[in-house]
């Protein structure tokens, strides 16, 4: 899964748990673009619907996704 921001200017795997490559991409942005990206991400969160899942279900799902990605790349989990 990837997330695209700034009208396609940047695509990252995750802002919450960025890879080393994601961090390089983010650091290459101007301060203005980093602030715009952050505001865009926050706005997406504000406009997203409330989940009907419990926190445990969300956590378990996140762990499964992270473990699956670890097998394919260099994730920390």
C-alpha atoms as a PDB file:
ATOM      1  CA  UNK A   1       0.000   0.000   0.000  1.00  0.00           C
ATOM      2  CA  UNK A   2       1.253   3.472  -0.797  1.00  0.00           C
ATOM      3  CA  UNK A   3       0.090   6.987  -0.120  1.00  0.00           C
ATOM      4  CA  UNK A   4       0.417   9.768  -2.701  1.00  0.00           C
ATOM      5  CA  UNK A   5       0.468  13.425  -1.742  1.00  0.00           C
ATOM      6  CA  UNK A   6       0.882  16.887  -3.246  1.00  0.00           C
ATOM      7  CA  UNK A   7      -0.969  16.068  -6.472  1.00  0.00           C
ATOM      8  CA  UNK A   8       1.300  13.108  -7.201  1.00  0.00           C
ATOM      9  CA  UNK A   9       4.540  14.875  -6.296  1.00  0.00           C
ATOM     10  CA  UNK A  10       5.448  12.284  -3.679  1.00  0.00           C
ATOM     11  CA  UNK A  11       4.481   8.679  -2.988  1.00  0.00           C
ATOM     12  CA  UNK A  12       5.476   6.972   0.250  1.00  0.00           C
ATOM     13  CA  UNK A  13       4.685   3.621   1.803  1.00  0.00           C
ATOM     14  CA  UNK A  14       3.604   5.259   5.057  1.00  0.00           C
ATOM     15  CA  UNK A  15       3.894   8.555   6.866  1.00  0.00           C
ATOM     16  CA  UNK A  16       3.273   6.848  10.201  1.00  0.00           C
ATOM     17  CA  UNK A  17       6.080   4.323   9.727  1.00  0.00           C
ATOM     18  CA  UNK A  18       8.243   5.563   6.847  1.00  0.00           C
ATOM     19  CA  UNK A  19      10.986   3.445   5.350  1.00  0.00           C
ATOM     20  CA  UNK A  20      14.504   4.834   4.896  1.00  0.00           C
ATOM     21  CA  UNK A  21      13.602   5.565   1.257  1.00  0.00           C
ATOM     22  CA  UNK A  22      10.439   7.391   2.331  1.00  0.00           C
ATOM     23  CA  UNK A  23      12.478   9.516   4.754  1.00  0.00           C
ATOM     24  CA  UNK A  24      14.865  10.498   1.956  1.00  0.00           C
ATOM     25  CA  UNK A  25      11.919  11.553  -0.204  1.00  0.00           C
ATOM     26  CA  UNK A  26      10.410  13.587   2.622  1.00  0.00           C
ATOM     27  CA  UNK A  27      13.709  15.269   3.457  1.00  0.00           C
ATOM     28  CA  UNK A  28      14.137  16.261  -0.196  1.00  0.00           C
ATOM     29  CA  UNK A  29      10.929  18.311  -0.057  1.00  0.00           C
ATOM     30  CA  UNK A  30      11.039  22.011   0.652  1.00  0.00           C
ATOM     31  CA  UNK A  31       9.750  23.146   4.032  1.00  0.00           C
ATOM     32  CA  UNK A  32       6.703  24.554   2.269  1.00  0.00           C
ATOM     33  CA  UNK A  33       5.966  21.203   0.617  1.00  0.00           C
ATOM     34  CA  UNK A  34       6.508  19.292   3.876  1.00  0.00           C
ATOM     35  CA  UNK A  35       3.978  21.551   5.613  1.00  0.00           C
ATOM     36  CA  UNK A  36       1.527  21.171   2.714  1.00  0.00           C
ATOM     37  CA  UNK A  37       1.951  17.374   2.851  1.00  0.00           C
ATOM     38  CA  UNK A  38       1.344  17.334   6.601  1.00  0.00           C
ATOM     39  CA  UNK A  39      -1.758  19.484   6.233  1.00  0.00           C
ATOM     40  CA  UNK A  40      -3.027  17.236   3.434  1.00  0.00           C
ATOM     41  CA  UNK A  41      -2.493  14.112   5.565  1.00  0.00           C
ATOM     42  CA  UNK A  42      -4.277  15.712   8.526  1.00  0.00           C
ATOM     43  CA  UNK A  43      -7.175  16.778   6.326  1.00  0.00           C
ATOM     44  CA  UNK A  44      -7.515  13.238   4.980  1.00  0.00           C
ATOM     45  CA  UNK A  45      -7.719  11.980   8.552  1.00  0.00           C
ATOM     46  CA  UNK A  46     -10.343  14.543   9.513  1.00  0.00           C
ATOM     47  CA  UNK A  47     -12.458  13.594   6.488  1.00  0.00           C
ATOM     48  CA  UNK A  48     -12.175   9.823   6.923  1.00  0.00           C
ATOM     49  CA  UNK A  49     -15.107   7.933   8.433  1.00  0.00           C
ATOM     50  CA  UNK A  50     -15.041   6.519  11.930  1.00  0.00           C
ATOM     51  CA  UNK A  51     -14.093   2.852  11.968  1.00  0.00           C
ATOM     52  CA  UNK A  52     -16.371   0.213  13.443  1.00  0.00           C
ATOM     53  CA  UNK A  53     -13.322  -1.909  14.362  1.00  0.00           C
ATOM     54  CA  UNK A  54     -11.984  -2.191  17.892  1.00  0.00           C
ATOM     55  CA  UNK A  55      -8.480  -0.934  18.674  1.00  0.00           C
ATOM     56  CA  UNK A  56      -7.362  -4.566  19.011  1.00  0.00           C
ATOM     57  CA  UNK A  57      -8.678  -5.370  15.531  1.00  0.00           C
ATOM     58  CA  UNK A  58      -6.912  -2.326  14.086  1.00  0.00           C
ATOM     59  CA  UNK A  59      -3.677  -3.254  15.868  1.00  0.00           C
ATOM     60  CA  UNK A  60      -3.822  -6.880  14.699  1.00  0.00           C
ATOM     61  CA  UNK A  61      -4.457  -5.772  11.122  1.00  0.00           C
ATOM     62  CA  UNK A  62      -1.531  -3.337  11.235  1.00  0.00           C
ATOM     63  CA  UNK A  63       0.796  -6.032  12.589  1.00  0.00           C
ATOM     64  CA  UNK A  64      -0.218  -8.476   9.858  1.00  0.00           C
ATOM     65  CA  UNK A  65       0.425  -5.852   7.179  1.00  0.00           C
ATOM     66  CA  UNK A  66       3.794  -4.932   8.680  1.00  0.00           C
ATOM     67  CA  UNK A  67       4.876  -8.557   8.945  1.00  0.00           C
ATOM     68  CA  UNK A  68       3.861  -9.215   5.343  1.00  0.00           C
ATOM     69  CA  UNK A  69       5.872  -6.201   4.181  1.00  0.00           C
ATOM     70  CA  UNK A  70       8.860  -7.218   6.301  1.00  0.00           C
ATOM     71  CA  UNK A  71       9.079 -10.414   4.313  1.00  0.00           C
ATOM     72  CA  UNK A  72       9.294  -8.319   1.122  1.00  0.00           C
ATOM     73  CA  UNK A  73      11.544  -5.477   2.312  1.00  0.00           C
ATOM     74  CA  UNK A  74      13.464  -3.978   5.218  1.00  0.00           C
ATOM     75  CA  UNK A  75      10.756  -3.028   7.708  1.00  0.00           C
ATOM     76  CA  UNK A  76      11.524  -2.851  11.398  1.00  0.00           C
ATOM     77  CA  UNK A  77       8.772  -5.169  12.656  1.00  0.00           C
END
